[in-house]
N, C-alpha and C. Protein backbone atom coordinates (compact mmCIF):
# COMPACT_ATOMS: atom_id res chain seq x y z
N UNK A 1 19.36 2.21 -67.44
CA UNK A 1 19.25 1.03 -68.31
C UNK A 1 17.95 1.09 -69.08
N UNK A 2 17.99 0.91 -70.37
CA UNK A 2 16.78 0.91 -71.18
C UNK A 2 16.41 -0.53 -71.53
N UNK A 3 15.24 -0.69 -72.15
CA UNK A 3 14.74 -2.02 -72.46
C UNK A 3 15.62 -2.71 -73.51
N UNK A 4 15.66 -4.06 -73.46
CA UNK A 4 16.38 -4.76 -74.52
C UNK A 4 15.80 -4.39 -75.87
N UNK A 5 16.64 -4.41 -76.91
CA UNK A 5 16.28 -3.85 -78.20
C UNK A 5 15.01 -4.46 -78.80
N UNK A 6 14.82 -5.78 -78.69
CA UNK A 6 13.70 -6.43 -79.33
C UNK A 6 12.53 -6.68 -78.38
N UNK A 7 12.63 -6.23 -77.18
CA UNK A 7 11.61 -6.49 -76.16
C UNK A 7 10.49 -5.44 -76.24
N UNK A 8 9.24 -5.92 -76.40
CA UNK A 8 8.10 -5.01 -76.42
C UNK A 8 7.67 -4.74 -74.99
N UNK A 9 7.80 -3.50 -74.57
CA UNK A 9 7.44 -3.09 -73.21
C UNK A 9 6.78 -1.73 -73.32
N UNK A 10 5.44 -1.74 -73.31
CA UNK A 10 4.68 -0.50 -73.51
C UNK A 10 4.11 -0.01 -72.20
N UNK A 11 3.84 1.29 -72.15
CA UNK A 11 3.18 1.90 -70.99
C UNK A 11 1.99 2.71 -71.48
N UNK A 12 0.88 2.57 -70.77
CA UNK A 12 -0.27 3.42 -71.05
C UNK A 12 -0.50 4.32 -69.84
N UNK A 13 -0.55 5.61 -70.10
CA UNK A 13 -0.97 6.58 -69.09
C UNK A 13 -2.46 6.78 -69.32
N UNK A 14 -3.27 6.12 -68.52
CA UNK A 14 -4.71 6.09 -68.79
C UNK A 14 -5.46 7.15 -68.00
N UNK A 15 -6.54 7.64 -68.62
CA UNK A 15 -7.36 8.68 -67.99
C UNK A 15 -8.45 8.09 -67.12
N UNK A 16 -8.97 6.93 -67.50
CA UNK A 16 -10.01 6.30 -66.71
C UNK A 16 -9.94 4.79 -66.90
N UNK A 17 -10.69 4.07 -66.08
CA UNK A 17 -10.63 2.61 -66.10
C UNK A 17 -11.11 2.04 -67.43
N UNK A 18 -12.09 2.68 -68.05
CA UNK A 18 -12.61 2.17 -69.33
C UNK A 18 -11.53 2.21 -70.40
N UNK A 19 -10.78 3.30 -70.47
CA UNK A 19 -9.73 3.40 -71.48
C UNK A 19 -8.63 2.37 -71.22
N UNK A 20 -8.30 2.19 -69.96
CA UNK A 20 -7.29 1.18 -69.59
C UNK A 20 -7.76 -0.21 -70.02
N UNK A 21 -8.97 -0.56 -69.62
CA UNK A 21 -9.49 -1.91 -69.90
C UNK A 21 -9.57 -2.17 -71.39
N UNK A 22 -9.95 -1.17 -72.17
CA UNK A 22 -10.03 -1.34 -73.61
C UNK A 22 -8.67 -1.64 -74.22
N UNK A 23 -7.66 -0.90 -73.81
CA UNK A 23 -6.31 -1.12 -74.34
C UNK A 23 -5.78 -2.48 -73.93
N UNK A 24 -5.96 -2.82 -72.66
CA UNK A 24 -5.45 -4.11 -72.17
C UNK A 24 -6.17 -5.26 -72.86
N UNK A 25 -7.48 -5.16 -73.02
CA UNK A 25 -8.25 -6.23 -73.65
C UNK A 25 -7.81 -6.43 -75.10
N UNK A 26 -7.59 -5.34 -75.84
CA UNK A 26 -7.12 -5.47 -77.23
C UNK A 26 -5.73 -6.11 -77.27
N UNK A 27 -4.87 -5.69 -76.38
CA UNK A 27 -3.51 -6.23 -76.28
C UNK A 27 -3.55 -7.74 -76.02
N UNK A 28 -4.37 -8.16 -75.06
CA UNK A 28 -4.48 -9.58 -74.73
C UNK A 28 -5.14 -10.37 -75.86
N UNK A 29 -6.18 -9.80 -76.47
CA UNK A 29 -6.89 -10.49 -77.54
C UNK A 29 -5.97 -10.74 -78.73
N UNK A 30 -5.12 -9.76 -79.06
CA UNK A 30 -4.15 -9.95 -80.14
C UNK A 30 -3.20 -11.10 -79.81
N UNK A 31 -2.81 -11.18 -78.55
CA UNK A 31 -1.94 -12.27 -78.12
C UNK A 31 -2.64 -13.62 -78.21
N UNK A 32 -3.89 -13.68 -77.77
CA UNK A 32 -4.65 -14.93 -77.82
C UNK A 32 -4.77 -15.40 -79.27
N UNK A 33 -5.02 -14.46 -80.18
CA UNK A 33 -5.13 -14.81 -81.60
C UNK A 33 -3.81 -15.37 -82.15
N UNK A 34 -2.70 -14.97 -81.54
CA UNK A 34 -1.38 -15.43 -81.96
C UNK A 34 -0.89 -16.61 -81.12
N UNK A 35 -1.80 -17.22 -80.35
CA UNK A 35 -1.48 -18.35 -79.47
C UNK A 35 -0.48 -17.97 -78.38
N UNK A 36 -0.57 -16.73 -77.90
CA UNK A 36 0.25 -16.27 -76.80
C UNK A 36 -0.62 -16.16 -75.56
N UNK A 37 -0.40 -16.99 -74.54
CA UNK A 37 -1.23 -16.92 -73.35
C UNK A 37 -1.07 -15.58 -72.64
N UNK A 38 -2.07 -15.25 -71.81
CA UNK A 38 -2.08 -13.96 -71.14
C UNK A 38 -1.87 -14.06 -69.63
N UNK A 39 -1.05 -13.17 -69.12
CA UNK A 39 -0.79 -13.04 -67.69
C UNK A 39 -1.21 -11.63 -67.29
N UNK A 40 -2.13 -11.51 -66.34
CA UNK A 40 -2.61 -10.21 -65.89
C UNK A 40 -2.35 -10.08 -64.40
N UNK A 41 -1.60 -9.04 -64.02
CA UNK A 41 -1.33 -8.75 -62.61
C UNK A 41 -1.97 -7.40 -62.34
N UNK A 42 -3.18 -7.43 -61.78
CA UNK A 42 -3.98 -6.21 -61.67
C UNK A 42 -4.78 -6.22 -60.37
N UNK A 43 -5.38 -5.09 -60.07
CA UNK A 43 -6.30 -5.02 -58.94
C UNK A 43 -7.57 -5.77 -59.32
N UNK A 44 -8.34 -6.17 -58.32
CA UNK A 44 -9.57 -6.92 -58.58
C UNK A 44 -10.54 -6.10 -59.43
N UNK A 45 -10.65 -4.81 -59.13
CA UNK A 45 -11.57 -3.95 -59.90
C UNK A 45 -11.17 -3.88 -61.36
N UNK A 46 -9.89 -3.74 -61.62
CA UNK A 46 -9.42 -3.67 -63.01
C UNK A 46 -9.53 -5.02 -63.70
N UNK A 47 -9.28 -6.10 -62.97
CA UNK A 47 -9.42 -7.43 -63.56
C UNK A 47 -10.83 -7.65 -64.07
N UNK A 48 -11.82 -7.24 -63.28
CA UNK A 48 -13.22 -7.42 -63.68
C UNK A 48 -13.55 -6.66 -64.96
N UNK A 49 -13.11 -5.42 -65.06
CA UNK A 49 -13.45 -4.62 -66.24
C UNK A 49 -12.67 -5.10 -67.47
N UNK A 50 -11.46 -5.60 -67.27
CA UNK A 50 -10.69 -6.17 -68.39
C UNK A 50 -11.39 -7.42 -68.92
N UNK A 51 -11.89 -8.25 -68.01
CA UNK A 51 -12.62 -9.45 -68.44
C UNK A 51 -13.87 -9.09 -69.22
N UNK A 52 -14.58 -8.07 -68.77
CA UNK A 52 -15.78 -7.63 -69.50
C UNK A 52 -15.42 -7.14 -70.90
N UNK A 53 -14.33 -6.39 -71.00
CA UNK A 53 -13.90 -5.89 -72.31
C UNK A 53 -13.47 -7.03 -73.23
N UNK A 54 -12.79 -8.02 -72.68
CA UNK A 54 -12.40 -9.17 -73.48
C UNK A 54 -13.62 -9.91 -74.01
N UNK A 55 -14.62 -10.08 -73.15
CA UNK A 55 -15.86 -10.73 -73.57
C UNK A 55 -16.53 -9.92 -74.68
N UNK A 56 -16.51 -8.60 -74.56
CA UNK A 56 -17.12 -7.73 -75.57
C UNK A 56 -16.39 -7.85 -76.91
N UNK A 57 -15.12 -8.24 -76.87
CA UNK A 57 -14.35 -8.44 -78.09
C UNK A 57 -14.56 -9.84 -78.67
N UNK A 58 -15.44 -10.61 -78.04
CA UNK A 58 -15.75 -11.94 -78.55
C UNK A 58 -14.91 -13.07 -77.97
N UNK A 59 -14.13 -12.78 -76.94
CA UNK A 59 -13.31 -13.81 -76.33
C UNK A 59 -14.14 -14.64 -75.34
N UNK A 60 -13.94 -15.94 -75.35
CA UNK A 60 -14.59 -16.84 -74.40
C UNK A 60 -13.74 -16.87 -73.13
N UNK A 61 -13.95 -15.89 -72.26
CA UNK A 61 -13.07 -15.73 -71.11
C UNK A 61 -13.16 -16.90 -70.14
N UNK A 62 -14.33 -17.51 -70.01
CA UNK A 62 -14.48 -18.65 -69.10
C UNK A 62 -13.58 -19.79 -69.55
N UNK A 63 -13.60 -20.11 -70.84
CA UNK A 63 -12.77 -21.19 -71.37
C UNK A 63 -11.29 -20.83 -71.28
N UNK A 64 -10.95 -19.59 -71.62
CA UNK A 64 -9.55 -19.16 -71.53
C UNK A 64 -9.01 -19.30 -70.12
N UNK A 65 -9.83 -18.99 -69.13
CA UNK A 65 -9.39 -19.11 -67.74
C UNK A 65 -9.33 -20.56 -67.30
N UNK A 66 -10.29 -21.35 -67.73
CA UNK A 66 -10.30 -22.78 -67.37
C UNK A 66 -9.10 -23.51 -67.94
N UNK A 67 -8.71 -23.18 -69.16
CA UNK A 67 -7.57 -23.85 -69.79
C UNK A 67 -6.22 -23.26 -69.37
N UNK A 68 -6.25 -22.15 -68.65
CA UNK A 68 -5.00 -21.52 -68.21
C UNK A 68 -4.39 -20.61 -69.25
N UNK A 69 -5.08 -20.40 -70.37
CA UNK A 69 -4.57 -19.51 -71.41
C UNK A 69 -4.59 -18.05 -70.97
N UNK A 70 -5.39 -17.76 -69.96
CA UNK A 70 -5.50 -16.40 -69.43
C UNK A 70 -5.56 -16.52 -67.91
N UNK A 71 -4.55 -15.97 -67.25
CA UNK A 71 -4.47 -16.10 -65.79
C UNK A 71 -4.33 -14.72 -65.15
N UNK A 72 -5.08 -14.54 -64.06
CA UNK A 72 -5.11 -13.27 -63.34
C UNK A 72 -4.51 -13.44 -61.94
N UNK A 73 -3.75 -12.44 -61.52
CA UNK A 73 -3.17 -12.44 -60.19
C UNK A 73 -3.35 -11.06 -59.57
N UNK A 74 -3.53 -11.04 -58.26
CA UNK A 74 -3.75 -9.79 -57.54
C UNK A 74 -2.46 -8.98 -57.47
N UNK A 75 -2.52 -7.75 -57.96
CA UNK A 75 -1.32 -6.91 -58.05
C UNK A 75 -0.70 -6.64 -56.69
N UNK A 76 -1.51 -6.35 -55.70
CA UNK A 76 -0.98 -6.04 -54.36
C UNK A 76 -0.28 -7.26 -53.75
N UNK A 77 -0.88 -8.43 -53.88
CA UNK A 77 -0.28 -9.64 -53.30
C UNK A 77 1.03 -9.99 -53.98
N UNK A 78 1.05 -9.92 -55.30
CA UNK A 78 2.29 -10.23 -56.01
C UNK A 78 3.37 -9.22 -55.64
N UNK A 79 3.01 -7.96 -55.60
CA UNK A 79 3.97 -6.91 -55.25
C UNK A 79 4.59 -7.16 -53.87
N UNK A 80 3.75 -7.47 -52.90
CA UNK A 80 4.24 -7.69 -51.54
C UNK A 80 5.15 -8.91 -51.45
N UNK A 81 5.03 -9.83 -52.39
CA UNK A 81 5.84 -11.04 -52.34
C UNK A 81 7.32 -10.81 -52.66
N UNK A 82 7.65 -9.65 -53.25
CA UNK A 82 9.06 -9.41 -53.57
C UNK A 82 9.59 -8.05 -53.09
N UNK A 83 8.77 -7.30 -52.36
CA UNK A 83 9.25 -6.02 -51.84
C UNK A 83 10.04 -6.22 -50.55
N UNK A 84 11.17 -5.52 -50.45
CA UNK A 84 11.96 -5.50 -49.22
C UNK A 84 12.13 -4.03 -48.87
N UNK A 85 11.52 -3.64 -47.74
CA UNK A 85 11.44 -2.23 -47.38
C UNK A 85 10.69 -1.51 -48.50
N UNK A 86 11.30 -0.52 -49.13
CA UNK A 86 10.61 0.26 -50.16
C UNK A 86 10.99 -0.11 -51.58
N UNK A 87 11.82 -1.14 -51.75
CA UNK A 87 12.29 -1.46 -53.09
C UNK A 87 12.04 -2.93 -53.43
N UNK A 88 11.80 -3.21 -54.70
CA UNK A 88 11.66 -4.61 -55.12
C UNK A 88 13.01 -5.31 -55.05
N UNK A 89 13.01 -6.48 -54.45
CA UNK A 89 14.24 -7.27 -54.35
C UNK A 89 14.43 -8.02 -55.67
N UNK A 90 15.58 -7.86 -56.33
CA UNK A 90 15.77 -8.48 -57.64
C UNK A 90 15.63 -10.00 -57.64
N UNK A 91 16.16 -10.66 -56.64
CA UNK A 91 16.10 -12.12 -56.59
C UNK A 91 14.68 -12.60 -56.34
N UNK A 92 13.99 -11.96 -55.38
CA UNK A 92 12.61 -12.33 -55.10
C UNK A 92 11.70 -12.04 -56.29
N UNK A 93 11.93 -10.91 -56.95
CA UNK A 93 11.13 -10.57 -58.13
C UNK A 93 11.30 -11.63 -59.22
N UNK A 94 12.56 -11.94 -59.54
CA UNK A 94 12.83 -12.91 -60.60
C UNK A 94 12.20 -14.26 -60.26
N UNK A 95 12.28 -14.65 -59.01
CA UNK A 95 11.71 -15.93 -58.59
C UNK A 95 10.19 -15.92 -58.68
N UNK A 96 9.55 -14.89 -58.13
CA UNK A 96 8.09 -14.87 -58.07
C UNK A 96 7.46 -14.65 -59.44
N UNK A 97 7.91 -13.65 -60.17
CA UNK A 97 7.31 -13.36 -61.47
C UNK A 97 7.72 -14.42 -62.49
N UNK A 98 8.93 -14.92 -62.39
CA UNK A 98 9.33 -16.03 -63.26
C UNK A 98 8.44 -17.24 -63.04
N UNK A 99 8.10 -17.50 -61.79
CA UNK A 99 7.19 -18.61 -61.46
C UNK A 99 5.82 -18.41 -62.10
N UNK A 100 5.32 -17.17 -62.10
CA UNK A 100 4.02 -16.89 -62.72
C UNK A 100 4.07 -17.11 -64.23
N UNK A 101 5.14 -16.65 -64.86
CA UNK A 101 5.29 -16.84 -66.30
C UNK A 101 5.34 -18.33 -66.63
N UNK A 102 6.10 -19.09 -65.85
CA UNK A 102 6.21 -20.53 -66.09
C UNK A 102 4.86 -21.22 -65.87
N UNK A 103 4.11 -20.73 -64.90
CA UNK A 103 2.78 -21.29 -64.65
C UNK A 103 1.86 -21.06 -65.85
N UNK A 104 1.92 -19.86 -66.41
CA UNK A 104 1.10 -19.55 -67.58
C UNK A 104 1.53 -20.39 -68.78
N UNK A 105 2.82 -20.59 -68.95
CA UNK A 105 3.33 -21.35 -70.10
C UNK A 105 3.07 -22.85 -69.98
N UNK A 106 3.08 -23.37 -68.77
CA UNK A 106 2.96 -24.81 -68.61
C UNK A 106 4.16 -25.49 -69.23
N UNK A 107 3.91 -26.47 -70.09
CA UNK A 107 5.01 -27.24 -70.69
C UNK A 107 5.35 -26.77 -72.10
N UNK A 108 4.73 -25.70 -72.55
CA UNK A 108 4.99 -25.22 -73.92
C UNK A 108 6.35 -24.55 -74.04
N UNK A 109 7.06 -24.91 -75.07
CA UNK A 109 8.33 -24.27 -75.39
C UNK A 109 8.44 -24.20 -76.91
N UNK A 110 8.79 -23.06 -77.48
CA UNK A 110 8.91 -21.77 -76.82
C UNK A 110 7.55 -21.26 -76.37
N UNK A 111 7.57 -20.24 -75.54
CA UNK A 111 6.30 -19.76 -75.00
C UNK A 111 6.30 -18.24 -74.84
N UNK A 112 6.12 -17.50 -75.93
CA UNK A 112 5.94 -16.05 -75.77
C UNK A 112 4.58 -15.79 -75.14
N UNK A 113 4.52 -14.86 -74.21
CA UNK A 113 3.25 -14.53 -73.57
C UNK A 113 2.98 -13.04 -73.67
N UNK A 114 1.73 -12.68 -73.38
CA UNK A 114 1.34 -11.28 -73.23
C UNK A 114 1.12 -11.04 -71.74
N UNK A 115 1.73 -10.01 -71.19
CA UNK A 115 1.58 -9.71 -69.77
C UNK A 115 1.13 -8.26 -69.58
N UNK A 116 0.18 -8.07 -68.70
CA UNK A 116 -0.22 -6.73 -68.30
C UNK A 116 0.01 -6.62 -66.80
N UNK A 117 0.61 -5.51 -66.36
CA UNK A 117 0.85 -5.32 -64.94
C UNK A 117 0.64 -3.89 -64.50
N UNK A 118 0.17 -3.75 -63.27
CA UNK A 118 -0.01 -2.41 -62.71
C UNK A 118 0.58 -2.29 -61.31
N UNK A 119 1.54 -3.16 -61.00
CA UNK A 119 2.23 -3.04 -59.71
C UNK A 119 3.01 -1.74 -59.64
N UNK A 120 3.58 -1.33 -60.79
CA UNK A 120 4.33 -0.07 -60.82
C UNK A 120 3.43 1.10 -60.46
N UNK A 121 2.17 1.06 -60.92
CA UNK A 121 1.25 2.15 -60.62
C UNK A 121 0.90 2.18 -59.14
N UNK A 122 0.77 1.01 -58.52
CA UNK A 122 0.52 0.97 -57.08
C UNK A 122 1.66 1.66 -56.33
N UNK A 123 2.89 1.37 -56.73
CA UNK A 123 4.03 2.02 -56.08
C UNK A 123 4.02 3.52 -56.32
N UNK A 124 3.72 3.92 -57.56
CA UNK A 124 3.71 5.36 -57.88
C UNK A 124 2.64 6.08 -57.08
N UNK A 125 1.46 5.46 -56.96
CA UNK A 125 0.37 6.07 -56.20
C UNK A 125 0.76 6.28 -54.74
N UNK A 126 1.62 5.40 -54.23
CA UNK A 126 2.07 5.52 -52.83
C UNK A 126 3.21 6.52 -52.69
N UNK A 127 3.64 7.11 -53.79
CA UNK A 127 4.75 8.06 -53.76
C UNK A 127 6.11 7.39 -53.83
N UNK A 128 6.12 6.09 -54.11
CA UNK A 128 7.38 5.35 -54.20
C UNK A 128 7.83 5.29 -55.66
N UNK A 129 8.22 6.44 -56.18
CA UNK A 129 8.63 6.55 -57.58
C UNK A 129 9.91 5.75 -57.84
N UNK A 130 10.83 5.78 -56.90
CA UNK A 130 12.08 5.03 -57.08
C UNK A 130 11.80 3.53 -57.17
N UNK A 131 10.88 3.06 -56.33
CA UNK A 131 10.51 1.64 -56.37
C UNK A 131 9.86 1.27 -57.68
N UNK A 132 9.02 2.15 -58.22
CA UNK A 132 8.35 1.88 -59.49
C UNK A 132 9.36 1.79 -60.63
N UNK A 133 10.29 2.73 -60.68
CA UNK A 133 11.29 2.72 -61.74
C UNK A 133 12.20 1.49 -61.63
N UNK A 134 12.56 1.14 -60.40
CA UNK A 134 13.37 -0.07 -60.18
C UNK A 134 12.62 -1.30 -60.68
N UNK A 135 11.31 -1.35 -60.43
CA UNK A 135 10.50 -2.48 -60.88
C UNK A 135 10.45 -2.55 -62.40
N UNK A 136 10.36 -1.40 -63.06
CA UNK A 136 10.39 -1.38 -64.53
C UNK A 136 11.72 -1.96 -65.04
N UNK A 137 12.80 -1.60 -64.39
CA UNK A 137 14.13 -2.10 -64.77
C UNK A 137 14.19 -3.61 -64.60
N UNK A 138 13.62 -4.11 -63.50
CA UNK A 138 13.64 -5.55 -63.26
C UNK A 138 12.83 -6.31 -64.31
N UNK A 139 11.70 -5.74 -64.73
CA UNK A 139 10.93 -6.36 -65.82
C UNK A 139 11.79 -6.46 -67.07
N UNK A 140 12.50 -5.38 -67.40
CA UNK A 140 13.36 -5.39 -68.59
C UNK A 140 14.47 -6.42 -68.48
N UNK A 141 15.03 -6.56 -67.29
CA UNK A 141 16.06 -7.58 -67.09
C UNK A 141 15.47 -8.98 -67.21
N UNK A 142 14.24 -9.17 -66.77
CA UNK A 142 13.59 -10.48 -66.85
C UNK A 142 13.38 -10.90 -68.30
N UNK A 143 13.29 -9.93 -69.19
CA UNK A 143 13.10 -10.22 -70.62
C UNK A 143 14.32 -10.87 -71.26
N UNK A 144 15.43 -10.91 -70.55
CA UNK A 144 16.60 -11.64 -71.06
C UNK A 144 16.46 -13.14 -70.79
N UNK A 145 15.51 -13.51 -69.92
CA UNK A 145 15.29 -14.92 -69.57
C UNK A 145 14.00 -15.47 -70.17
N UNK A 146 12.95 -14.65 -70.16
CA UNK A 146 11.63 -15.09 -70.63
C UNK A 146 11.21 -14.24 -71.82
N UNK A 147 10.37 -14.84 -72.68
CA UNK A 147 9.88 -14.13 -73.85
C UNK A 147 8.46 -13.62 -73.57
N UNK A 148 8.32 -12.32 -73.47
CA UNK A 148 7.00 -11.75 -73.22
C UNK A 148 6.91 -10.34 -73.79
N UNK A 149 5.67 -9.97 -74.12
CA UNK A 149 5.34 -8.59 -74.45
C UNK A 149 4.62 -8.05 -73.22
N UNK A 150 5.04 -6.89 -72.75
CA UNK A 150 4.54 -6.36 -71.49
C UNK A 150 3.88 -5.00 -71.70
N UNK A 151 2.72 -4.85 -71.09
CA UNK A 151 2.01 -3.57 -71.07
C UNK A 151 1.84 -3.17 -69.62
N UNK A 152 2.25 -1.95 -69.29
CA UNK A 152 2.10 -1.41 -67.93
C UNK A 152 1.06 -0.29 -67.96
N UNK A 153 0.34 -0.13 -66.86
CA UNK A 153 -0.63 0.95 -66.77
C UNK A 153 -0.33 1.89 -65.63
N UNK A 154 -0.38 3.18 -65.91
CA UNK A 154 -0.24 4.22 -64.89
C UNK A 154 -1.41 5.18 -65.03
N UNK A 155 -2.04 5.52 -63.92
CA UNK A 155 -3.10 6.52 -63.95
C UNK A 155 -2.51 7.87 -64.35
N UNK A 156 -3.05 8.48 -65.41
CA UNK A 156 -2.51 9.73 -65.94
C UNK A 156 -2.54 10.85 -64.89
N UNK A 157 -3.52 10.82 -64.00
CA UNK A 157 -3.64 11.87 -62.99
C UNK A 157 -2.41 12.03 -62.13
N UNK A 158 -1.65 10.95 -61.96
CA UNK A 158 -0.43 11.02 -61.14
C UNK A 158 0.69 11.73 -61.87
N UNK A 159 0.52 11.95 -63.17
CA UNK A 159 1.58 12.56 -63.98
C UNK A 159 1.19 13.92 -64.53
N UNK A 160 -0.04 14.35 -64.30
CA UNK A 160 -0.55 15.56 -64.94
C UNK A 160 0.40 16.74 -64.76
N UNK A 161 0.92 16.92 -63.56
CA UNK A 161 1.82 18.04 -63.30
C UNK A 161 3.29 17.60 -63.29
N UNK A 162 3.52 16.34 -63.71
CA UNK A 162 4.87 15.82 -63.59
C UNK A 162 5.52 15.50 -64.93
N UNK A 163 4.89 15.87 -66.04
CA UNK A 163 5.43 15.45 -67.32
C UNK A 163 6.80 16.04 -67.61
N UNK A 164 7.17 17.09 -66.91
CA UNK A 164 8.52 17.64 -67.07
C UNK A 164 9.45 17.15 -65.95
N UNK A 165 8.91 16.38 -65.04
CA UNK A 165 9.68 15.81 -63.95
C UNK A 165 10.61 14.74 -64.51
N UNK A 166 11.88 14.73 -64.13
CA UNK A 166 12.80 13.69 -64.62
C UNK A 166 12.32 12.27 -64.34
N UNK A 167 11.55 12.07 -63.26
CA UNK A 167 11.06 10.73 -62.94
C UNK A 167 10.07 10.26 -63.99
N UNK A 168 9.26 11.17 -64.52
CA UNK A 168 8.33 10.82 -65.60
C UNK A 168 9.13 10.37 -66.82
N UNK A 169 10.18 11.11 -67.14
CA UNK A 169 11.03 10.74 -68.27
C UNK A 169 11.71 9.40 -68.02
N UNK A 170 12.09 9.13 -66.76
CA UNK A 170 12.70 7.85 -66.43
C UNK A 170 11.74 6.70 -66.68
N UNK A 171 10.46 6.89 -66.36
CA UNK A 171 9.46 5.86 -66.63
C UNK A 171 9.38 5.61 -68.13
N UNK A 172 9.27 6.68 -68.91
CA UNK A 172 9.15 6.54 -70.36
C UNK A 172 10.37 5.84 -70.96
N UNK A 173 11.56 6.13 -70.42
CA UNK A 173 12.80 5.54 -70.94
C UNK A 173 12.84 4.03 -70.76
N UNK A 174 12.10 3.51 -69.80
CA UNK A 174 12.10 2.08 -69.55
C UNK A 174 11.18 1.31 -70.50
N UNK A 175 10.47 2.03 -71.36
CA UNK A 175 9.49 1.41 -72.24
C UNK A 175 9.86 1.60 -73.71
N UNK A 176 9.50 0.60 -74.51
CA UNK A 176 9.74 0.70 -75.95
C UNK A 176 8.64 1.49 -76.65
N UNK A 177 7.45 1.57 -76.01
CA UNK A 177 6.29 2.25 -76.58
C UNK A 177 5.56 2.99 -75.48
N UNK A 178 5.05 4.18 -75.81
CA UNK A 178 4.28 4.98 -74.86
C UNK A 178 2.91 5.28 -75.47
N UNK A 179 1.86 4.95 -74.71
CA UNK A 179 0.49 5.22 -75.14
C UNK A 179 -0.05 6.31 -74.23
N UNK A 180 -0.32 7.47 -74.78
CA UNK A 180 -0.73 8.61 -73.96
C UNK A 180 -2.18 8.52 -73.51
N UNK A 181 -3.04 7.88 -74.31
CA UNK A 181 -4.45 7.80 -73.95
C UNK A 181 -5.04 6.54 -74.54
N UNK A 182 -6.37 6.43 -74.56
CA UNK A 182 -7.03 5.23 -75.05
C UNK A 182 -7.35 5.28 -76.53
N UNK A 183 -6.90 6.30 -77.25
CA UNK A 183 -7.35 6.48 -78.63
C UNK A 183 -6.81 5.46 -79.61
N UNK A 184 -5.70 4.85 -79.28
CA UNK A 184 -5.15 3.94 -80.27
C UNK A 184 -4.23 2.91 -79.69
N UNK A 185 -3.47 2.29 -80.60
CA UNK A 185 -2.54 1.25 -80.22
C UNK A 185 -1.12 1.76 -80.39
N UNK A 186 -0.15 1.18 -79.66
CA UNK A 186 1.23 1.60 -79.86
C UNK A 186 1.72 1.16 -81.22
N UNK A 187 2.43 2.04 -81.88
CA UNK A 187 3.01 1.73 -83.17
C UNK A 187 4.37 1.09 -82.94
N UNK A 188 4.58 -0.17 -83.39
CA UNK A 188 5.83 -0.84 -83.09
C UNK A 188 7.05 -0.24 -83.78
N UNK A 189 6.84 0.60 -84.77
CA UNK A 189 7.97 1.22 -85.46
C UNK A 189 8.41 2.50 -84.75
N UNK A 190 7.46 3.33 -84.40
CA UNK A 190 7.83 4.63 -83.84
C UNK A 190 7.69 4.70 -82.33
N UNK A 191 6.89 3.81 -81.76
CA UNK A 191 6.64 3.89 -80.34
C UNK A 191 5.56 4.89 -80.01
N UNK A 192 5.01 5.57 -81.01
CA UNK A 192 3.97 6.55 -80.75
C UNK A 192 2.60 5.90 -80.89
N UNK A 193 1.64 6.55 -80.32
CA UNK A 193 0.28 6.05 -80.39
C UNK A 193 -0.27 6.23 -81.79
N UNK A 194 -1.03 5.24 -82.23
CA UNK A 194 -1.70 5.35 -83.52
C UNK A 194 -3.20 5.36 -83.33
N UNK A 195 -3.92 5.97 -84.24
CA UNK A 195 -5.35 6.10 -84.10
C UNK A 195 -6.14 5.01 -84.73
């Protein structure tokens, strides 16, 4: 199953935390400028560096967090809330992540949001490639209910020798855009990185 036709679902294969944080911060800042609140599901270390990058872009992160326009959640805790054995449970996922989206939106309707997540990378790092791909599919299915642009992050080192592996191709197929490094932004027309 591939992503819905109009759903923006990008993946960045990042080389280091700085490149990841820069891409995520730009992605969120563009959303904030368009009145799209931000949902970040990341590790604590990555959350800190993303916040620093947002501040460097001129965003008032304290106010954004106080008003709920930008909300952070721990990737490991959220992931554990819907995993059953080695796979994400579709009903639990829809309930838990849908709840987070609704929390970010509050009473606004319509409410397109910007979401960044790295739960898939946690699964991939553990060698649970099937679980990661299943989670990507569930995100795409969730886009039929909620309006969001999604950016996923995967550490490039986990794919260095796997770019010809069918599982790598399966990850790419679940995304509308692929960002190979930190050099640019995804091009919404071609899906390729732009400089």
